[in-house]
Amino acid sequence: MKKLIVVFVLLFAATTLFAQVDMGSFPTGSWLDHNYDAIWTFAATGITLKTTDGSFTYSFGRTNMENFRLSMTGIQPTITFSCQATERTYVFRASLPSTDIVMEIDNKNLPNKYSVTMKKQ
C-alpha cells in the first residue's frame, strides 16, 4: 500500500511539474508586433516573445505567469495574465473570425497602455 501511495505522489508531482498552459480555444501559432519587430508565439507550453532577428527571447509559462485567465467575450477568446518579472499585465484578444490578435500591455510605470493589432505569421 505504501508503494502505491508513493507511486501516486510521484505521478502527481510529475504531471504538475510538466503541466502545460491551458490555451483552451485561444488560437496557437505566431503573430508579429510590427512596432517592435517582435514575434509572439502561443503554444500549449506557454507564450514566447522573441525579436525577429532572434536577439531577445522571453518565455511566459506556469512559473512566471500570475492571475492567468482564459475567457470568452462573445466569440473572442481572451487571455489575461500578469508577470512580476516584467512588471506588466498582458491582454490578448483573438479577433475571430479574423486571424488577428489584439494585444494590450499595461506597464504600471507608464501613463498609457500599449496596444497593437498583430498579424498571423
Protein backbone atom coordinates (compact mmCIF):
# COMPACT_ATOMS: atom_id res chain seq x y z
CA MET A 1 0.00 0.00 0.00
CA LYS A 2 2.83 2.40 0.83
CA LYS A 3 4.42 1.76 -2.56
CA LEU A 4 1.14 2.56 -4.28
CA ILE A 5 0.88 5.86 -2.40
CA VAL A 6 4.49 6.76 -3.26
CA VAL A 7 3.88 5.98 -6.95
CA PHE A 8 0.71 8.09 -6.92
CA VAL A 9 2.52 11.04 -5.29
CA LEU A 10 5.39 10.81 -7.81
CA LEU A 11 2.98 10.69 -10.76
CA PHE A 12 1.04 13.66 -9.41
CA ALA A 13 4.26 15.65 -8.90
CA ALA A 14 5.48 14.83 -12.41
CA THR A 15 2.21 15.88 -14.04
CA THR A 16 2.06 19.18 -12.18
CA LEU A 17 5.73 19.91 -12.84
CA PHE A 18 5.38 19.40 -16.59
CA ALA A 19 1.81 20.65 -16.91
CA GLN A 20 1.05 22.78 -19.88
CA VAL A 21 -0.70 26.11 -20.05
CA ASP A 22 -4.39 25.64 -20.87
CA MET A 23 -4.84 27.70 -24.02
CA GLY A 24 -8.40 26.42 -24.47
CA SER A 25 -9.98 27.88 -27.62
CA PHE A 26 -7.29 30.54 -27.98
CA PRO A 27 -5.51 30.13 -31.33
CA THR A 28 -1.95 28.81 -31.32
CA GLY A 29 0.79 29.95 -33.67
CA SER A 30 2.89 33.08 -34.14
CA TRP A 31 1.91 36.75 -34.55
CA LEU A 32 4.01 39.81 -35.42
CA ASP A 33 4.05 43.01 -33.36
CA HIS A 34 5.21 45.26 -36.23
CA ASN A 35 6.03 48.20 -33.91
CA TYR A 36 8.79 46.29 -32.16
CA ASP A 37 9.62 43.63 -34.78
CA ALA A 38 8.64 41.07 -32.15
CA ILE A 39 7.06 37.69 -32.67
CA TRP A 40 4.65 36.35 -30.05
CA THR A 41 4.16 32.59 -30.18
CA PHE A 42 1.25 30.92 -28.40
CA ALA A 43 1.55 27.19 -27.68
CA ALA A 44 0.45 24.67 -25.07
CA THR A 45 3.84 25.07 -23.40
CA GLY A 46 3.30 28.82 -22.87
CA ILE A 47 3.82 32.12 -24.65
CA THR A 48 7.17 33.09 -26.12
CA LEU A 49 8.30 36.55 -27.18
CA LYS A 50 11.28 36.99 -29.48
CA THR A 51 12.63 39.66 -31.78
CA THR A 52 12.57 38.91 -35.49
CA ASP A 53 16.38 38.78 -35.54
CA GLY A 54 16.43 36.41 -32.55
CA SER A 55 18.45 38.77 -30.35
CA PHE A 56 15.93 38.71 -27.49
CA THR A 57 13.68 35.97 -26.19
CA TYR A 58 11.39 35.80 -23.18
CA SER A 59 9.15 32.91 -22.20
CA PHE A 60 5.96 33.14 -20.21
CA GLY A 61 4.80 29.92 -18.60
CA ARG A 62 3.41 28.41 -15.44
CA THR A 63 6.37 29.62 -13.36
CA ASN A 64 6.13 33.34 -14.15
CA MET A 65 2.51 33.93 -15.18
CA GLU A 66 0.28 35.23 -12.40
CA ASN A 67 -3.50 35.52 -12.46
CA PHE A 68 -3.67 33.64 -15.77
CA ARG A 69 -7.22 33.70 -17.09
CA LEU A 70 -8.72 32.39 -20.30
CA SER A 71 -12.18 33.79 -21.03
CA MET A 72 -14.63 34.36 -23.84
CA THR A 73 -16.06 37.76 -24.76
CA GLY A 74 -18.74 36.88 -27.26
CA ILE A 75 -16.82 34.80 -29.81
CA GLN A 76 -13.45 36.33 -28.85
CA PRO A 77 -11.19 34.10 -26.74
CA THR A 78 -9.12 36.30 -24.41
CA ILE A 79 -6.00 35.58 -22.37
CA THR A 80 -5.08 37.80 -19.44
CA PHE A 81 -2.10 37.45 -17.12
CA SER A 82 0.49 39.47 -15.26
CA CYS A 83 4.20 38.90 -14.83
CA GLN A 84 6.03 40.21 -11.79
CA ALA A 85 9.43 39.98 -13.51
CA THR A 86 8.36 42.30 -16.35
CA GLU A 87 6.09 44.43 -14.14
CA ARG A 88 3.34 44.27 -16.73
CA THR A 89 -0.17 42.96 -17.28
CA TYR A 90 -0.94 41.40 -20.67
CA VAL A 91 -4.25 41.00 -22.51
CA PHE A 92 -4.52 39.12 -25.82
CA ARG A 93 -7.82 39.02 -27.73
CA ALA A 94 -8.31 36.84 -30.77
CA SER A 95 -10.33 38.80 -33.34
CA LEU A 96 -12.42 35.96 -34.70
CA PRO A 97 -13.23 35.30 -37.49
CA SER A 98 -10.09 37.23 -38.45
CA THR A 99 -6.69 35.72 -37.65
CA ASP A 100 -5.51 38.96 -35.99
CA ILE A 101 -4.76 39.19 -32.26
CA VAL A 102 -5.11 42.44 -30.35
CA MET A 103 -2.51 42.82 -27.61
CA GLU A 104 -2.64 45.30 -24.75
CA ILE A 105 0.20 45.74 -22.28
CA ASP A 106 -0.23 47.73 -19.10
CA ASN A 107 3.04 48.85 -17.56
CA LYS A 108 2.19 50.38 -14.19
CA ASN A 109 5.22 52.69 -14.51
CA LEU A 110 3.93 54.31 -17.72
CA PRO A 111 0.83 56.51 -18.14
CA ASN A 112 -0.62 54.76 -21.22
CA LYS A 113 -1.32 51.18 -22.19
CA TYR A 114 0.43 49.80 -25.25
CA SER A 115 -1.96 48.34 -27.81
CA VAL A 116 -1.35 46.77 -31.20
CA THR A 117 -3.15 44.53 -33.66
CA MET A 118 -0.82 41.67 -34.58
CA LYS A 119 -0.92 39.73 -37.84
CA LYS A 120 -0.51 35.96 -38.00
CA GLN A 121 2.84 34.77 -39.33
